[in-house]
PDB file of all heavy atoms in Angstrom:
ATOM      1  N   VAL A   1       0.855  -1.186   0.000  1.00  0.00           N
ATOM      2  CA  VAL A   1       0.000   0.000   0.000  1.00  0.00           C
ATOM      3  C   VAL A   1       0.889   1.234   0.000  1.00  0.00           C
ATOM      4  O   VAL A   1       1.718   1.415   0.906  1.00  0.00           O
ATOM      5  CB  VAL A   1      -0.948   0.013   1.209  1.00  0.00           C
ATOM      6  CG1 VAL A   1      -1.787   1.292   1.212  1.00  0.00           C
ATOM      7  CG2 VAL A   1      -1.852  -1.221   1.186  1.00  0.00           C
ATOM      8  N   LEU A   2       0.709   2.087  -1.005  1.00  0.00           N
ATOM      9  CA  LEU A   2       1.503   3.307  -1.157  1.00  0.00           C
ATOM     10  C   LEU A   2       0.583   4.505  -0.869  1.00  0.00           C
ATOM     11  O   LEU A   2      -0.269   4.848  -1.690  1.00  0.00           O
ATOM     12  CB  LEU A   2       2.061   3.389  -2.583  1.00  0.00           C
ATOM     13  CG  LEU A   2       3.304   4.231  -2.813  1.00  0.00           C
ATOM     14  CD1 LEU A   2       4.468   3.686  -2.009  1.00  0.00           C
ATOM     15  CD2 LEU A   2       3.656   4.271  -4.287  1.00  0.00           C
ATOM     16  N   PRO A   3       0.740   5.147   0.296  1.00  0.00           N
ATOM     17  CA  PRO A   3      -0.158   6.260   0.645  1.00  0.00           C
ATOM     18  C   PRO A   3      -0.039   7.463  -0.288  1.00  0.00           C
ATOM     19  O   PRO A   3      -1.039   8.088  -0.624  1.00  0.00           O
ATOM     20  CB  PRO A   3       0.267   6.615   2.070  1.00  0.00           C
ATOM     21  CG  PRO A   3       0.930   5.383   2.594  1.00  0.00           C
ATOM     22  CD  PRO A   3       1.616   4.780   1.405  1.00  0.00           C
ATOM     23  N   ILE A   4       1.184   7.767  -0.715  1.00  0.00           N
ATOM     24  CA  ILE A   4       1.396   8.881  -1.632  1.00  0.00           C
ATOM     25  C   ILE A   4       2.295   8.427  -2.777  1.00  0.00           C
ATOM     26  O   ILE A   4       3.033   7.445  -2.654  1.00  0.00           O
ATOM     27  CB  ILE A   4       2.020  10.113  -0.918  1.00  0.00           C
ATOM     28  CG1 ILE A   4       3.377   9.749  -0.310  1.00  0.00           C
ATOM     29  CG2 ILE A   4       1.077  10.654   0.153  1.00  0.00           C
ATOM     30  CD1 ILE A   4       4.094  10.933   0.342  1.00  0.00           C
ATOM     31  N   ALA A   5       2.193   9.121  -3.915  1.00  0.00           N
ATOM     32  CA  ALA A   5       3.007   8.741  -5.068  1.00  0.00           C
ATOM     33  C   ALA A   5       4.491   8.885  -4.744  1.00  0.00           C
ATOM     34  O   ALA A   5       4.895   9.741  -3.953  1.00  0.00           O
ATOM     35  CB  ALA A   5       2.639   9.603  -6.269  1.00  0.00           C
ATOM     36  N   GLY A   6       5.292   8.018  -5.361  1.00  0.00           N
ATOM     37  CA  GLY A   6       6.728   8.104  -5.135  1.00  0.00           C
ATOM     38  C   GLY A   6       7.453   6.861  -5.624  1.00  0.00           C
ATOM     39  O   GLY A   6       6.872   5.993  -6.284  1.00  0.00           O
ATOM     40  N   LYS A   7       8.718   6.798  -5.280  1.00  0.00           N
ATOM     41  CA  LYS A   7       9.568   5.687  -5.713  1.00  0.00           C
ATOM     42  C   LYS A   7       9.645   4.643  -4.601  1.00  0.00           C
ATOM     43  O   LYS A   7       9.817   4.990  -3.425  1.00  0.00           O
ATOM     44  CB  LYS A   7      10.966   6.187  -6.055  1.00  0.00           C
ATOM     45  CG  LYS A   7      11.886   5.093  -6.604  1.00  0.00           C
ATOM     46  CD  LYS A   7      13.316   5.590  -6.775  1.00  0.00           C
ATOM     47  CE  LYS A   7      14.027   5.594  -5.431  1.00  0.00           C
ATOM     48  NZ  LYS A   7      15.493   5.772  -5.553  1.00  0.00           N
ATOM     49  N   ILE A   8       9.526   3.392  -5.002  1.00  0.00           N
ATOM     50  CA  ILE A   8       9.803   2.300  -4.078  1.00  0.00           C
ATOM     51  C   ILE A   8      10.969   1.490  -4.628  1.00  0.00           C
ATOM     52  O   ILE A   8      11.194   1.453  -5.841  1.00  0.00           O
ATOM     53  CB  ILE A   8       8.580   1.381  -3.859  1.00  0.00           C
ATOM     54  CG1 ILE A   8       8.209   0.637  -5.164  1.00  0.00           C
ATOM     55  CG2 ILE A   8       7.391   2.164  -3.316  1.00  0.00           C
ATOM     56  CD1 ILE A   8       7.168  -0.450  -4.955  1.00  0.00           C
ATOM     57  N   ASP A   9      11.709   0.875  -3.734  1.00  0.00           N
ATOM     58  CA  ASP A   9      12.824   0.003  -4.125  1.00  0.00           C
ATOM     59  C   ASP A   9      12.523  -1.410  -3.647  1.00  0.00           C
ATOM     60  O   ASP A   9      12.373  -1.666  -2.446  1.00  0.00           O
ATOM     61  CB  ASP A   9      14.132   0.499  -3.511  1.00  0.00           C
ATOM     62  CG  ASP A   9      14.644   1.749  -4.181  1.00  0.00           C
ATOM     63  OD1 ASP A   9      15.080   1.653  -5.335  1.00  0.00           O
ATOM     64  OD2 ASP A   9      14.581   2.825  -3.548  1.00  0.00           O
ATOM     65  N   LEU A  10      12.402  -2.311  -4.612  1.00  0.00           N
ATOM     66  CA  LEU A  10      12.181  -3.725  -4.314  1.00  0.00           C
ATOM     67  C   LEU A  10      13.524  -4.443  -4.291  1.00  0.00           C
ATOM     68  O   LEU A  10      14.343  -4.264  -5.197  1.00  0.00           O
ATOM     69  CB  LEU A  10      11.283  -4.366  -5.370  1.00  0.00           C
ATOM     70  CG  LEU A  10       9.831  -3.892  -5.397  1.00  0.00           C
ATOM     71  CD1 LEU A  10       9.214  -4.141  -6.764  1.00  0.00           C
ATOM     72  CD2 LEU A  10       9.024  -4.603  -4.324  1.00  0.00           C
ATOM     73  N   LYS A  11      13.736  -5.260  -3.288  1.00  0.00           N
ATOM     74  CA  LYS A  11      14.996  -6.024  -3.200  1.00  0.00           C
ATOM     75  C   LYS A  11      14.671  -7.464  -2.828  1.00  0.00           C
ATOM     76  O   LYS A  11      13.971  -7.721  -1.848  1.00  0.00           O
ATOM     77  CB  LYS A  11      15.942  -5.412  -2.172  1.00  0.00           C
ATOM     78  CG  LYS A  11      17.288  -6.134  -2.106  1.00  0.00           C
ATOM     79  CD  LYS A  11      18.236  -5.480  -1.105  1.00  0.00           C
ATOM     80  CE  LYS A  11      19.574  -6.212  -1.065  1.00  0.00           C
ATOM     81  NZ  LYS A  11      20.510  -5.589  -0.084  1.00  0.00           N
ATOM     82  N   MET A  12      15.210  -8.356  -3.628  1.00  0.00           N
ATOM     83  CA  MET A  12      14.973  -9.787  -3.403  1.00  0.00           C
ATOM     84  C   MET A  12      16.303 -10.525  -3.433  1.00  0.00           C
ATOM     85  O   MET A  12      17.136 -10.285  -4.315  1.00  0.00           O
ATOM     86  CB  MET A  12      14.034 -10.332  -4.486  1.00  0.00           C
ATOM     87  CG  MET A  12      13.667 -11.800  -4.350  1.00  0.00           C
ATOM     88  SD  MET A  12      12.509 -12.283  -5.681  1.00  0.00           S
ATOM     89  CE  MET A  12      12.191 -13.987  -5.243  1.00  0.00           C
ATOM     90  N   ILE A  13      16.520 -11.407  -2.463  1.00  0.00           N
ATOM     91  CA  ILE A  13      17.701 -12.273  -2.448  1.00  0.00           C
ATOM     92  C   ILE A  13      17.184 -13.704  -2.550  1.00  0.00           C
ATOM     93  O   ILE A  13      16.484 -14.182  -1.655  1.00  0.00           O
ATOM     94  CB  ILE A  13      18.539 -12.079  -1.175  1.00  0.00           C
ATOM     95  CG1 ILE A  13      18.999 -10.627  -1.058  1.00  0.00           C
ATOM     96  CG2 ILE A  13      19.743 -13.010  -1.180  1.00  0.00           C
ATOM     97  CD1 ILE A  13      19.726 -10.317   0.237  1.00  0.00           C
ATOM     98  N   SER A  14      17.503 -14.368  -3.650  1.00  0.00           N
ATOM     99  CA  SER A  14      16.861 -15.652  -3.981  1.00  0.00           C
ATOM    100  C   SER A  14      17.871 -16.791  -4.049  1.00  0.00           C
ATOM    101  O   SER A  14      18.935 -16.668  -4.664  1.00  0.00           O
ATOM    102  CB  SER A  14      16.142 -15.530  -5.331  1.00  0.00           C
ATOM    103  OG  SER A  14      15.727 -16.790  -5.795  1.00  0.00           O
ATOM    104  N   SER A  15      17.499 -17.901  -3.436  1.00  0.00           N
ATOM    105  CA  SER A  15      18.272 -19.151  -3.556  1.00  0.00           C
ATOM    106  C   SER A  15      17.680 -20.066  -4.620  1.00  0.00           C
ATOM    107  O   SER A  15      18.062 -21.233  -4.720  1.00  0.00           O
ATOM    108  CB  SER A  15      18.298 -19.881  -2.208  1.00  0.00           C
ATOM    109  OG  SER A  15      18.955 -19.105  -1.228  1.00  0.00           O
ATOM    110  N   ILE A  16      16.758 -19.542  -5.415  1.00  0.00           N
ATOM    111  CA  ILE A  16      16.075 -20.318  -6.453  1.00  0.00           C
ATOM    112  C   ILE A  16      16.786 -20.098  -7.784  1.00  0.00           C
ATOM    113  O   ILE A  16      17.118 -18.975  -8.142  1.00  0.00           O
ATOM    114  CB  ILE A  16      14.595 -19.888  -6.564  1.00  0.00           C
ATOM    115  CG1 ILE A  16      13.925 -19.946  -5.192  1.00  0.00           C
ATOM    116  CG2 ILE A  16      13.853 -20.756  -7.571  1.00  0.00           C
ATOM    117  CD1 ILE A  16      12.539 -19.353  -5.147  1.00  0.00           C
ATOM    118  N   TYR A  17      17.005 -21.173  -8.518  1.00  0.00           N
ATOM    119  CA  TYR A  17      17.754 -21.061  -9.771  1.00  0.00           C
ATOM    120  C   TYR A  17      17.038 -20.160 -10.771  1.00  0.00           C
ATOM    121  O   TYR A  17      17.663 -19.311 -11.402  1.00  0.00           O
ATOM    122  CB  TYR A  17      17.966 -22.446 -10.375  1.00  0.00           C
ATOM    123  CG  TYR A  17      18.830 -22.440 -11.621  1.00  0.00           C
ATOM    124  CD1 TYR A  17      20.216 -22.339 -11.513  1.00  0.00           C
ATOM    125  CD2 TYR A  17      18.267 -22.521 -12.886  1.00  0.00           C
ATOM    126  CE1 TYR A  17      21.014 -22.314 -12.634  1.00  0.00           C
ATOM    127  CE2 TYR A  17      19.056 -22.496 -14.018  1.00  0.00           C
ATOM    128  CZ  TYR A  17      20.433 -22.392 -13.888  1.00  0.00           C
ATOM    129  OH  TYR A  17      21.211 -22.358 -15.018  1.00  0.00           O
ATOM    130  N   GLU A  18      15.731 -20.337 -10.927  1.00  0.00           N
ATOM    131  CA  GLU A  18      14.935 -19.458 -11.782  1.00  0.00           C
ATOM    132  C   GLU A  18      13.588 -19.244 -11.127  1.00  0.00           C
ATOM    133  O   GLU A  18      12.944 -20.202 -10.688  1.00  0.00           O
ATOM    134  CB  GLU A  18      14.719 -20.052 -13.182  1.00  0.00           C
ATOM    135  CG  GLU A  18      15.929 -20.009 -14.071  1.00  0.00           C
ATOM    136  CD  GLU A  18      15.567 -20.300 -15.529  1.00  0.00           C
ATOM    137  OE1 GLU A  18      14.441 -19.958 -15.942  1.00  0.00           O
ATOM    138  OE2 GLU A  18      16.413 -20.862 -16.232  1.00  0.00           O
ATOM    139  N   VAL A  19      13.140 -17.978 -11.075  1.00  0.00           N
ATOM    140  CA  VAL A  19      11.852 -17.670 -10.480  1.00  0.00           C
ATOM    141  C   VAL A  19      11.266 -16.455 -11.195  1.00  0.00           C
ATOM    142  O   VAL A  19      12.004 -15.609 -11.719  1.00  0.00           O
ATOM    143  CB  VAL A  19      12.003 -17.416  -8.960  1.00  0.00           C
ATOM    144  CG1 VAL A  19      12.799 -16.143  -8.690  1.00  0.00           C
ATOM    145  CG2 VAL A  19      10.656 -17.397  -8.267  1.00  0.00           C
ATOM    146  N   ASN A  20       9.955 -16.383 -11.262  1.00  0.00           N
ATOM    147  CA  ASN A  20       9.282 -15.233 -11.875  1.00  0.00           C
ATOM    148  C   ASN A  20       8.798 -14.276 -10.794  1.00  0.00           C
ATOM    149  O   ASN A  20       8.337 -14.716  -9.731  1.00  0.00           O
ATOM    150  CB  ASN A  20       8.076 -15.687 -12.704  1.00  0.00           C
ATOM    151  CG  ASN A  20       8.480 -16.483 -13.924  1.00  0.00           C
ATOM    152  OD1 ASN A  20       9.464 -16.170 -14.580  1.00  0.00           O
ATOM    153  ND2 ASN A  20       7.735 -17.538 -14.229  1.00  0.00           N
ATOM    154  N   VAL A  21       8.881 -12.976 -11.075  1.00  0.00           N
ATOM    155  CA  VAL A  21       8.308 -11.958 -10.190  1.00  0.00           C
ATOM    156  C   VAL A  21       7.508 -10.987 -11.047  1.00  0.00           C
ATOM    157  O   VAL A  21       7.876 -10.700 -12.193  1.00  0.00           O
ATOM    158  CB  VAL A  21       9.388 -11.211  -9.386  1.00  0.00           C
ATOM    159  CG1 VAL A  21      10.143 -12.167  -8.469  1.00  0.00           C
ATOM    160  CG2 VAL A  21      10.375 -10.495 -10.291  1.00  0.00           C
ATOM    161  N   ASN A  22       6.407 -10.516 -10.509  1.00  0.00           N
ATOM    162  CA  ASN A  22       5.673  -9.482 -11.233  1.00  0.00           C
ATOM    163  C   ASN A  22       4.959  -8.559 -10.265  1.00  0.00           C
ATOM    164  O   ASN A  22       4.702  -8.915  -9.105  1.00  0.00           O
ATOM    165  CB  ASN A  22       4.718 -10.073 -12.272  1.00  0.00           C
ATOM    166  CG  ASN A  22       3.585 -10.868 -11.687  1.00  0.00           C
ATOM    167  OD1 ASN A  22       2.904 -10.411 -10.777  1.00  0.00           O
ATOM    168  ND2 ASN A  22       3.359 -12.073 -12.214  1.00  0.00           N
ATOM    169  N   LEU A  23       4.625  -7.371 -10.756  1.00  0.00           N
ATOM    170  CA  LEU A  23       3.937  -6.351  -9.975  1.00  0.00           C
ATOM    171  C   LEU A  23       2.711  -5.900 -10.754  1.00  0.00           C
ATOM    172  O   LEU A  23       2.812  -5.573 -11.946  1.00  0.00           O
ATOM    173  CB  LEU A  23       4.858  -5.154  -9.703  1.00  0.00           C
ATOM    174  CG  LEU A  23       4.275  -4.051  -8.812  1.00  0.00           C
ATOM    175  CD1 LEU A  23       4.117  -4.546  -7.377  1.00  0.00           C
ATOM    176  CD2 LEU A  23       5.167  -2.796  -8.852  1.00  0.00           C
ATOM    177  N   THR A  24       1.562  -5.899 -10.104  1.00  0.00           N
ATOM    178  CA  THR A  24       0.326  -5.435 -10.730  1.00  0.00           C
ATOM    179  C   THR A  24      -0.339  -4.400  -9.831  1.00  0.00           C
ATOM    180  O   THR A  24      -0.095  -4.360  -8.605  1.00  0.00           O
ATOM    181  CB  THR A  24      -0.657  -6.595 -10.969  1.00  0.00           C
ATOM    182  OG1 THR A  24      -0.983  -7.191  -9.712  1.00  0.00           O
ATOM    183  CG2 THR A  24      -0.049  -7.642 -11.880  1.00  0.00           C
ATOM    184  N   ASP A  25      -1.187  -3.571 -10.437  1.00  0.00           N
ATOM    185  CA  ASP A  25      -1.942  -2.613  -9.626  1.00  0.00           C
ATOM    186  C   ASP A  25      -3.235  -3.253  -9.144  1.00  0.00           C
ATOM    187  O   ASP A  25      -3.495  -4.436  -9.400  1.00  0.00           O
ATOM    188  CB  ASP A  25      -2.196  -1.317 -10.399  1.00  0.00           C
ATOM    189  CG  ASP A  25      -3.068  -1.523 -11.637  1.00  0.00           C
ATOM    190  OD1 ASP A  25      -3.771  -2.551 -11.714  1.00  0.00           O
ATOM    191  OD2 ASP A  25      -3.028  -0.645 -12.521  1.00  0.00           O
ATOM    192  N   ASN A  26      -4.053  -2.458  -8.469  1.00  0.00           N
ATOM    193  CA  ASN A  26      -5.262  -2.987  -7.859  1.00  0.00           C
ATOM    194  C   ASN A  26      -6.290  -3.447  -8.884  1.00  0.00           C
ATOM    195  O   ASN A  26      -7.192  -4.219  -8.554  1.00  0.00           O
ATOM    196  CB  ASN A  26      -5.882  -1.918  -6.944  1.00  0.00           C
ATOM    197  CG  ASN A  26      -6.833  -2.519  -5.932  1.00  0.00           C
ATOM    198  OD1 ASN A  26      -6.583  -3.593  -5.393  1.00  0.00           O
ATOM    199  ND2 ASN A  26      -7.942  -1.824  -5.673  1.00  0.00           N
ATOM    200  N   ASP A  27      -6.143  -2.999 -10.130  1.00  0.00           N
ATOM    201  CA  ASP A  27      -7.060  -3.397 -11.193  1.00  0.00           C
ATOM    202  C   ASP A  27      -6.539  -4.581 -12.007  1.00  0.00           C
ATOM    203  O   ASP A  27      -7.172  -4.981 -12.995  1.00  0.00           O
ATOM    204  CB  ASP A  27      -7.328  -2.217 -12.126  1.00  0.00           C
ATOM    205  CG  ASP A  27      -8.031  -1.072 -11.413  1.00  0.00           C
ATOM    206  OD1 ASP A  27      -8.896  -1.367 -10.562  1.00  0.00           O
ATOM    207  OD2 ASP A  27      -7.708   0.109 -11.684  1.00  0.00           O
ATOM    208  N   GLY A  28      -5.393  -5.103 -11.616  1.00  0.00           N
ATOM    209  CA  GLY A  28      -4.821  -6.241 -12.319  1.00  0.00           C
ATOM    210  C   GLY A  28      -3.934  -5.883 -13.484  1.00  0.00           C
ATOM    211  O   GLY A  28      -3.470  -6.771 -14.215  1.00  0.00           O
ATOM    212  N   ASN A  29      -3.666  -4.583 -13.686  1.00  0.00           N
ATOM    213  CA  ASN A  29      -2.778  -4.163 -14.774  1.00  0.00           C
ATOM    214  C   ASN A  29      -1.334  -4.459 -14.400  1.00  0.00           C
ATOM    215  O   ASN A  29      -0.880  -4.098 -13.305  1.00  0.00           O
ATOM    216  CB  ASN A  29      -2.947  -2.670 -15.055  1.00  0.00           C
ATOM    217  CG  ASN A  29      -4.362  -2.331 -15.491  1.00  0.00           C
ATOM    218  OD1 ASN A  29      -4.912  -2.966 -16.384  1.00  0.00           O
ATOM    219  ND2 ASN A  29      -4.969  -1.322 -14.849  1.00  0.00           N
ATOM    220  N   GLN A  30      -0.616  -5.110 -15.288  1.00  0.00           N
ATOM    221  CA  GLN A  30       0.761  -5.487 -15.018  1.00  0.00           C
ATOM    222  C   GLN A  30       1.699  -4.303 -15.203  1.00  0.00           C
ATOM    223  O   GLN A  30       1.665  -3.628 -16.219  1.00  0.00           O
ATOM    224  CB  GLN A  30       1.187  -6.635 -15.937  1.00  0.00           C
ATOM    225  CG  GLN A  30       2.581  -7.177 -15.626  1.00  0.00           C
ATOM    226  CD  GLN A  30       2.876  -8.456 -16.377  1.00  0.00           C
ATOM    227  OE1 GLN A  30       2.498  -9.530 -15.944  1.00  0.00           O
ATOM    228  NE2 GLN A  30       3.516  -8.344 -17.519  1.00  0.00           N
ATOM    229  N   ILE A  31       2.532  -4.088 -14.196  1.00  0.00           N
ATOM    230  CA  ILE A  31       3.524  -3.009 -14.255  1.00  0.00           C
ATOM    231  C   ILE A  31       4.856  -3.557 -14.737  1.00  0.00           C
ATOM    232  O   ILE A  31       5.539  -2.929 -15.543  1.00  0.00           O
ATOM    233  CB  ILE A  31       3.640  -2.347 -12.870  1.00  0.00           C
ATOM    234  CG1 ILE A  31       2.298  -1.701 -12.501  1.00  0.00           C
ATOM    235  CG2 ILE A  31       4.775  -1.324 -12.843  1.00  0.00           C
ATOM    236  CD1 ILE A  31       2.183  -1.280 -11.073  1.00  0.00           C
ATOM    237  N   PHE A  32       5.235  -4.716 -14.261  1.00  0.00           N
ATOM    238  CA  PHE A  32       6.412  -5.392 -14.822  1.00  0.00           C
ATOM    239  C   PHE A  32       6.316  -6.883 -14.527  1.00  0.00           C
ATOM    240  O   PHE A  32       5.585  -7.314 -13.630  1.00  0.00           O
ATOM    241  CB  PHE A  32       7.728  -4.807 -14.297  1.00  0.00           C
ATOM    242  CG  PHE A  32       7.998  -5.070 -12.835  1.00  0.00           C
ATOM    243  CD1 PHE A  32       8.429  -6.316 -12.387  1.00  0.00           C
ATOM    244  CD2 PHE A  32       7.853  -4.051 -11.900  1.00  0.00           C
ATOM    245  CE1 PHE A  32       8.682  -6.549 -11.056  1.00  0.00           C
ATOM    246  CE2 PHE A  32       8.098  -4.283 -10.558  1.00  0.00           C
ATOM    247  CZ  PHE A  32       8.512  -5.526 -10.131  1.00  0.00           C
ATOM    248  N   SER A  33       7.071  -7.672 -15.310  1.00  0.00           N
ATOM    249  CA  SER A  33       7.223  -9.105 -15.096  1.00  0.00           C
ATOM    250  C   SER A  33       8.653  -9.468 -15.456  1.00  0.00           C
ATOM    251  O   SER A  33       9.084  -9.232 -16.593  1.00  0.00           O
ATOM    252  CB  SER A  33       6.238  -9.893 -15.959  1.00  0.00           C
ATOM    253  OG  SER A  33       6.429 -11.295 -15.772  1.00  0.00           O
TER     254      SER A  33
END
């Protein structure tokens, strides 16, 4: 939940050889995959 517009920094440290990540808005629109 982002109260005001701005930049967020996502950081993931994964022990998985290959994994998918994606970000969508509340309406299901994909921002990235």
